[in-house]
Amino acid sequence: MKLSVVISVYNEKDNIKPLLSSLSDHLSGIKHEVIIVDDGSTDGTMEVLHKEAGANTRVIEFMRNFGQSSALAAGIDYAQGEYICTMDGDMQNDPSDIPGMLKLAEEGQWDLVAGTRANRKDAALTRKLPSRIANAIIGKTTDVRIKDYGCTLKVFRSAIAKNLGLYGEIHRFIPILASLQGARITQVDVKHHERKFGTSKYGIGRILRVVSDLLLMIFFQRYRQRPMHLFGGAGLVVFSVGALIDFYMLALKIAGHDIWGRPLLLLGVLLTIVGLQIITVGILLEVIMRTYYESQSKKPYTIRKIHSFENRN
């Protein structure tokens, strides 16, 4: 199996037939499978899937809505292709872009080919402007330079896709998760169409969730394997400031001054306690991280290839 196309759908009954038809037309020369994950649809999407799914299509039906990250993770888990393509099920991504992206991945030895929506057909104020701001902030803070983090259309090597660890709502940070494995990433302009059927599942309210997940991604990038470097350093700074204040207040007490009830004394004690707590959190995270790797025999690295030179003269 050369390619697995993984699609998460939620209340997209009117898009299923044209989506499957377009995939069949544009991937006819590629040995592929289509995995559609129904993320708890309530509009009859499953009925349409039962009617329209072809021999190379598998449908994973969730018991309820778990979110796009979980749906993509399930599809990737069951994918059998050498390469895995993710895309939206609303027909705004164009299946005609997939063969070119797959060819680029194969010829360029790329681990991830990310789509960038050219001439994006979304509302400028509520979708495009927040997206551009978010893309700029994410690129600046993570140093993973992708123009369009929000484009679901991507092609991965299977080994990279199956180790992304998708959960929650972090699918929008897939390039960062891939970079943590050392993936070689490129991007290419892809088509983007206006939504013809159904309604968008995204709104302006997702901005706070994006910011929260971005903080998590920054932590993963810089401190995932060494959380003590973050919490230990911050804890020592806070504890040191508190200890200096405490020593100063002790000196005043020895000199005969009344220090009871002074705000500075309370601040010193508070900072000392908080500093110790932050250091303790760092130690606990270190223990959890070591348990995570050792209990599951996980390695803190990813090997691209092992080269052998046994036959060299």
Protein backbone atom coordinates (compact mmCIF):
# COMPACT_ATOMS: atom_id res chain seq x y z
CA MET A 1 0.00 0.00 0.00
CA LYS A 2 1.59 3.23 -1.15
CA LEU A 3 -0.79 5.77 0.40
CA SER A 4 -3.40 5.97 3.14
CA VAL A 5 -5.72 9.00 3.05
CA VAL A 6 -7.05 9.79 6.52
CA ILE A 7 -10.10 12.05 6.76
CA SER A 8 -11.93 13.22 9.88
CA VAL A 9 -15.59 14.09 9.30
CA TYR A 10 -18.23 15.57 11.57
CA ASN A 11 -21.69 16.29 10.16
CA GLU A 12 -20.53 16.32 6.52
CA LYS A 13 -23.18 14.13 4.88
CA ASP A 14 -23.49 16.31 1.76
CA ASN A 15 -19.72 16.31 1.17
CA ILE A 16 -19.13 12.54 1.36
CA LYS A 17 -20.16 11.56 -2.17
CA PRO A 18 -18.24 14.31 -4.03
CA LEU A 19 -15.23 13.78 -1.76
CA LEU A 20 -15.01 10.03 -2.43
CA SER A 21 -15.60 10.59 -6.13
CA SER A 22 -12.83 13.20 -6.34
CA LEU A 23 -10.40 10.97 -4.44
CA SER A 24 -11.14 8.09 -6.78
CA ASP A 25 -10.55 10.25 -9.85
CA HIS A 26 -7.27 11.81 -8.75
CA LEU A 27 -5.70 8.78 -7.01
CA SER A 28 -6.59 6.19 -9.62
CA GLY A 29 -2.94 5.58 -10.51
CA ILE A 30 -1.81 5.14 -6.91
CA LYS A 31 -2.36 2.05 -4.79
CA HIS A 32 -4.20 3.63 -1.90
CA GLU A 33 -6.81 3.28 0.79
CA VAL A 34 -9.21 5.83 2.24
CA ILE A 35 -9.85 5.85 5.98
CA ILE A 36 -12.72 8.04 7.09
CA VAL A 37 -13.25 8.64 10.79
CA ASP A 38 -16.78 9.70 11.69
CA ASP A 39 -16.33 11.85 14.78
CA GLY A 40 -19.79 11.39 16.29
CA SER A 41 -21.86 12.87 13.43
CA THR A 42 -25.57 13.37 14.07
CA ASP A 43 -26.74 14.43 10.60
CA GLY A 44 -26.79 11.06 8.84
CA THR A 45 -23.16 11.08 7.72
CA MET A 46 -22.77 7.39 8.62
CA GLU A 47 -25.74 6.42 6.49
CA VAL A 48 -24.21 8.18 3.50
CA LEU A 49 -20.85 6.53 4.17
CA HIS A 50 -22.46 3.08 4.21
CA LYS A 51 -24.01 3.86 0.85
CA GLU A 52 -21.05 5.52 -0.91
CA ALA A 53 -17.94 3.83 0.52
CA GLY A 54 -15.96 1.81 -2.01
CA ALA A 55 -13.89 -1.35 -1.68
CA ASN A 56 -10.75 0.59 -0.70
CA THR A 57 -12.54 2.67 1.94
CA ARG A 58 -12.63 1.92 5.64
CA VAL A 59 -14.86 3.82 8.04
CA ILE A 60 -14.09 4.21 11.74
CA GLU A 61 -17.17 5.27 13.68
CA PHE A 62 -16.70 6.99 17.04
CA MET A 63 -19.31 6.54 19.77
CA ARG A 64 -19.34 10.31 20.33
CA ASN A 65 -17.51 13.45 19.27
CA PHE A 66 -13.91 13.24 20.49
CA GLY A 67 -12.42 16.03 18.38
CA GLN A 68 -10.32 16.24 15.25
CA SER A 69 -7.02 15.31 16.89
CA SER A 70 -8.42 12.04 18.23
CA ALA A 71 -10.09 11.29 14.90
CA LEU A 72 -6.87 11.81 12.96
CA ALA A 73 -4.97 9.73 15.52
CA ALA A 74 -7.40 6.82 15.09
CA GLY A 75 -7.17 6.98 11.32
CA ILE A 76 -3.38 7.08 11.40
CA ASP A 77 -3.28 4.13 13.81
CA TYR A 78 -5.21 1.97 11.35
CA ALA A 79 -3.46 3.23 8.21
CA GLN A 80 -1.38 0.68 6.29
CA GLY A 81 0.22 2.90 3.67
CA GLU A 82 3.90 3.70 3.27
CA TYR A 83 2.79 7.34 3.23
CA ILE A 84 -0.15 8.88 5.07
CA CYS A 85 -2.14 11.88 3.87
CA THR A 86 -4.44 13.82 6.17
CA MET A 87 -7.13 16.13 4.84
CA ASP A 88 -10.44 17.74 5.81
CA GLY A 89 -13.75 16.23 4.79
CA ASP A 90 -15.47 19.49 3.86
CA MET A 91 -14.21 19.60 0.23
CA GLN A 92 -12.19 22.75 0.86
CA ASN A 93 -8.99 20.73 0.38
CA ASP A 94 -8.55 19.46 -3.18
CA PRO A 95 -7.60 15.79 -3.73
CA SER A 96 -5.88 16.80 -6.99
CA ASP A 97 -3.00 18.19 -4.88
CA ILE A 98 -2.24 14.84 -3.26
CA PRO A 99 -0.32 13.11 -6.11
CA GLY A 100 2.07 16.07 -6.41
CA MET A 101 2.65 16.17 -2.66
CA LEU A 102 3.30 12.43 -2.60
CA LYS A 103 5.75 12.72 -5.48
CA LEU A 104 7.57 15.55 -3.69
CA ALA A 105 7.77 13.46 -0.52
CA GLU A 106 9.25 10.53 -2.42
CA GLU A 107 11.66 12.42 -4.65
CA GLY A 108 12.83 14.95 -2.08
CA GLN A 109 13.19 12.47 0.76
CA TRP A 110 10.89 14.64 2.86
CA ASP A 111 9.29 13.23 6.01
CA LEU A 112 6.45 15.76 5.93
CA VAL A 113 5.05 17.80 3.04
CA ALA A 114 2.70 20.46 4.44
CA GLY A 115 0.09 22.20 2.34
CA THR A 116 -0.22 25.99 2.30
CA ARG A 117 -3.65 27.25 1.27
CA ALA A 118 -3.12 29.63 -1.65
CA ASN A 119 -5.94 32.14 -2.23
CA ARG A 120 -7.71 30.94 0.88
CA LYS A 121 -11.50 31.08 0.56
CA ASP A 122 -12.44 32.02 4.11
CA ALA A 123 -13.78 35.11 5.85
CA ALA A 124 -10.98 37.67 6.13
CA LEU A 125 -11.80 39.01 9.58
CA THR A 126 -12.85 35.91 11.50
CA ARG A 127 -10.67 33.26 9.85
CA LYS A 128 -7.80 34.57 7.71
CA LEU A 129 -6.56 37.43 9.93
CA PRO A 130 -6.48 35.39 13.20
CA SER A 131 -4.81 32.55 11.28
CA ARG A 132 -2.06 34.80 9.93
CA ILE A 133 -1.37 36.23 13.37
CA ALA A 134 -1.29 32.74 14.90
CA ASN A 135 1.02 31.42 12.16
CA ALA A 136 3.45 34.29 12.75
CA ILE A 137 3.48 33.80 16.52
CA ILE A 138 3.86 30.02 16.29
CA GLY A 139 6.69 30.27 13.78
CA LYS A 140 8.52 32.88 15.85
CA THR A 141 8.22 31.05 19.18
CA THR A 142 8.89 27.50 17.93
CA ASP A 143 11.28 28.23 15.04
CA VAL A 144 9.36 25.78 12.86
CA ARG A 145 8.70 27.95 9.82
CA ILE A 146 5.41 26.85 8.27
CA LYS A 147 3.21 29.42 6.52
CA ASP A 148 -0.09 27.70 7.23
CA TYR A 149 -0.38 25.60 10.39
CA GLY A 150 -4.14 25.36 9.97
CA CYS A 151 -4.09 23.47 6.66
CA THR A 152 -4.95 19.83 7.36
CA LEU A 153 -3.72 18.65 3.95
CA LYS A 154 -0.35 17.03 4.65
CA VAL A 155 1.60 13.99 3.46
CA PHE A 156 3.86 12.11 5.91
CA ARG A 157 6.11 9.13 5.97
CA SER A 158 4.17 6.55 7.94
CA ALA A 159 6.84 6.20 10.64
CA ILE A 160 6.58 9.91 11.42
CA ALA A 161 2.78 10.04 11.37
CA LYS A 162 2.37 7.05 13.69
CA ASN A 163 4.61 8.65 16.34
CA LEU A 164 2.99 12.08 16.47
CA GLY A 165 1.12 11.36 19.71
CA LEU A 166 -2.04 13.29 18.79
CA TYR A 167 -4.54 14.03 21.55
CA GLY A 168 -6.61 16.93 22.86
CA GLU A 169 -6.61 19.61 20.15
CA ILE A 170 -2.96 19.66 19.13
CA HIS A 171 -3.51 18.58 15.50
CA ARG A 172 -2.83 22.17 14.43
CA PHE A 173 0.73 21.76 15.76
CA ILE A 174 1.54 18.63 13.76
CA PRO A 175 4.64 20.21 12.12
CA ILE A 176 6.07 20.90 15.59
CA LEU A 177 5.34 17.36 16.75
CA ALA A 178 7.04 16.06 13.60
CA SER A 179 10.05 18.32 14.13
CA LEU A 180 10.47 16.87 17.62
CA GLN A 181 11.22 13.57 15.88
CA GLY A 182 13.76 15.26 13.61
CA ALA A 183 11.48 15.19 10.56
CA ARG A 184 12.57 16.95 7.39
CA ILE A 185 9.72 19.30 6.50
CA THR A 186 8.82 21.20 3.36
CA GLN A 187 5.70 23.03 2.24
CA VAL A 188 3.88 23.53 -1.04
CA ASP A 189 0.98 25.71 -2.17
CA VAL A 190 -2.32 23.85 -2.48
CA LYS A 191 -5.77 24.78 -3.72
CA HIS A 192 -8.50 25.92 -1.37
CA HIS A 193 -12.21 26.03 -2.18
CA GLU A 194 -15.22 27.67 -0.59
CA ARG A 195 -17.37 25.39 1.52
CA LYS A 196 -20.45 24.36 -0.50
CA PHE A 197 -22.26 22.21 2.04
CA GLY A 198 -22.52 22.21 5.82
CA THR A 199 -21.13 24.75 8.26
CA SER A 200 -17.65 25.43 9.59
CA LYS A 201 -16.77 23.87 12.95
CA TYR A 202 -14.28 26.61 13.80
CA GLY A 203 -14.89 29.96 15.42
CA ILE A 204 -13.09 32.91 16.92
CA GLY A 205 -13.30 31.23 20.34
CA ARG A 206 -10.53 28.77 19.42
CA ILE A 207 -7.87 31.50 19.80
CA LEU A 208 -7.50 30.89 23.55
CA ARG A 209 -7.18 27.14 22.95
CA VAL A 210 -4.51 27.75 20.34
CA VAL A 211 -2.52 29.94 22.74
CA SER A 212 -2.80 27.34 25.51
CA ASP A 213 -1.65 24.56 23.20
CA LEU A 214 1.19 26.77 21.92
CA LEU A 215 2.55 27.07 25.46
CA LEU A 216 2.44 23.28 25.70
CA MET A 217 4.30 22.93 22.37
CA ILE A 218 7.01 25.35 23.53
CA PHE A 219 7.44 23.27 26.67
CA PHE A 220 7.61 20.07 24.59
CA GLN A 221 10.20 21.57 22.27
CA ARG A 222 12.53 22.91 24.93
CA TYR A 223 11.96 20.98 28.13
CA ARG A 224 10.08 17.73 27.41
CA GLN A 225 13.09 15.54 28.23
CA ARG A 226 14.55 17.88 30.85
CA PRO A 227 11.70 19.58 32.75
CA MET A 228 14.01 20.19 35.71
CA HIS A 229 15.90 22.75 33.61
CA LEU A 230 12.74 24.88 33.50
CA PHE A 231 11.22 24.28 36.92
CA GLY A 232 14.53 23.89 38.73
CA GLY A 233 15.90 27.16 37.38
CA ALA A 234 12.71 29.10 38.05
CA GLY A 235 12.37 27.54 41.51
CA LEU A 236 15.94 28.40 42.47
CA VAL A 237 15.46 32.03 41.41
CA VAL A 238 12.24 32.40 43.41
CA PHE A 239 13.69 30.56 46.40
CA SER A 240 16.88 32.66 46.34
CA VAL A 241 14.96 35.94 46.31
CA GLY A 242 12.82 34.71 49.20
CA ALA A 243 15.89 33.54 51.14
CA LEU A 244 17.63 36.91 50.69
CA ILE A 245 14.56 38.72 52.00
CA ASP A 246 14.37 36.32 54.94
CA PHE A 247 18.05 36.87 55.82
CA TYR A 248 17.55 40.63 55.59
CA MET A 249 14.56 40.46 57.93
CA LEU A 250 16.53 38.22 60.30
CA ALA A 251 19.32 40.78 60.40
CA LEU A 252 16.79 43.47 61.24
CA LYS A 253 15.40 41.31 64.04
CA ILE A 254 18.87 40.71 65.48
CA ALA A 255 19.48 44.48 65.34
CA GLY A 256 16.44 44.97 67.56
CA HIS A 257 13.80 46.01 65.04
CA ASP A 258 10.22 44.78 65.23
CA ILE A 259 9.62 42.86 61.97
CA TRP A 260 6.38 41.11 62.87
CA GLY A 261 3.56 41.81 60.41
CA ARG A 262 5.72 43.56 57.87
CA PRO A 263 4.66 42.85 54.24
CA LEU A 264 8.29 42.23 53.28
CA LEU A 265 8.52 39.40 55.82
CA LEU A 266 5.39 37.77 54.43
CA LEU A 267 6.74 38.14 50.90
CA GLY A 268 10.04 36.50 51.83
CA VAL A 269 8.34 33.51 53.47
CA LEU A 270 5.91 33.16 50.55
CA LEU A 271 8.68 33.23 47.92
CA THR A 272 10.71 30.67 49.85
CA ILE A 273 7.78 28.25 50.02
CA VAL A 274 6.77 28.80 46.39
CA GLY A 275 10.36 28.30 45.24
CA LEU A 276 10.56 24.96 47.03
CA GLN A 277 7.24 23.91 45.51
CA ILE A 278 8.39 24.77 41.97
CA ILE A 279 11.60 22.77 42.48
CA THR A 280 9.53 19.85 43.79
CA VAL A 281 7.30 19.99 40.69
CA GLY A 282 10.43 19.81 38.52
CA ILE A 283 11.68 16.75 40.39
CA LEU A 284 8.31 15.01 40.09
CA LEU A 285 8.17 15.74 36.35
CA GLU A 286 11.67 14.30 35.94
CA VAL A 287 10.54 11.10 37.69
CA ILE A 288 7.38 10.94 35.54
CA MET A 289 9.38 11.48 32.34
CA ARG A 290 11.87 8.75 33.21
CA THR A 291 9.01 6.39 34.10
CA TYR A 292 7.32 7.21 30.77
CA TYR A 293 10.39 6.23 28.75
CA GLU A 294 11.58 3.29 30.83
CA SER A 295 8.23 1.59 31.53
CA GLN A 296 7.31 1.53 27.83
CA SER A 297 10.84 0.94 26.54
CA LYS A 298 10.61 4.22 24.66
CA LYS A 299 13.72 5.93 23.37
CA PRO A 300 14.35 9.69 23.67
CA TYR A 301 15.52 9.78 20.06
CA THR A 302 14.45 8.79 16.55
CA ILE A 303 16.75 6.97 14.13
CA ARG A 304 16.31 7.88 10.48
CA LYS A 305 18.57 5.18 9.06
CA ILE A 306 21.40 2.89 10.12
CA HIS A 307 24.21 2.89 7.58
CA SER A 308 26.35 -0.23 7.09
CA PHE A 309 29.76 -0.23 5.45
CA GLU A 310 30.65 -3.90 5.90
CA ASN A 311 31.26 -4.46 2.19
CA ARG A 312 33.47 -1.42 1.70
CA ASN A 313 36.95 -2.25 0.42
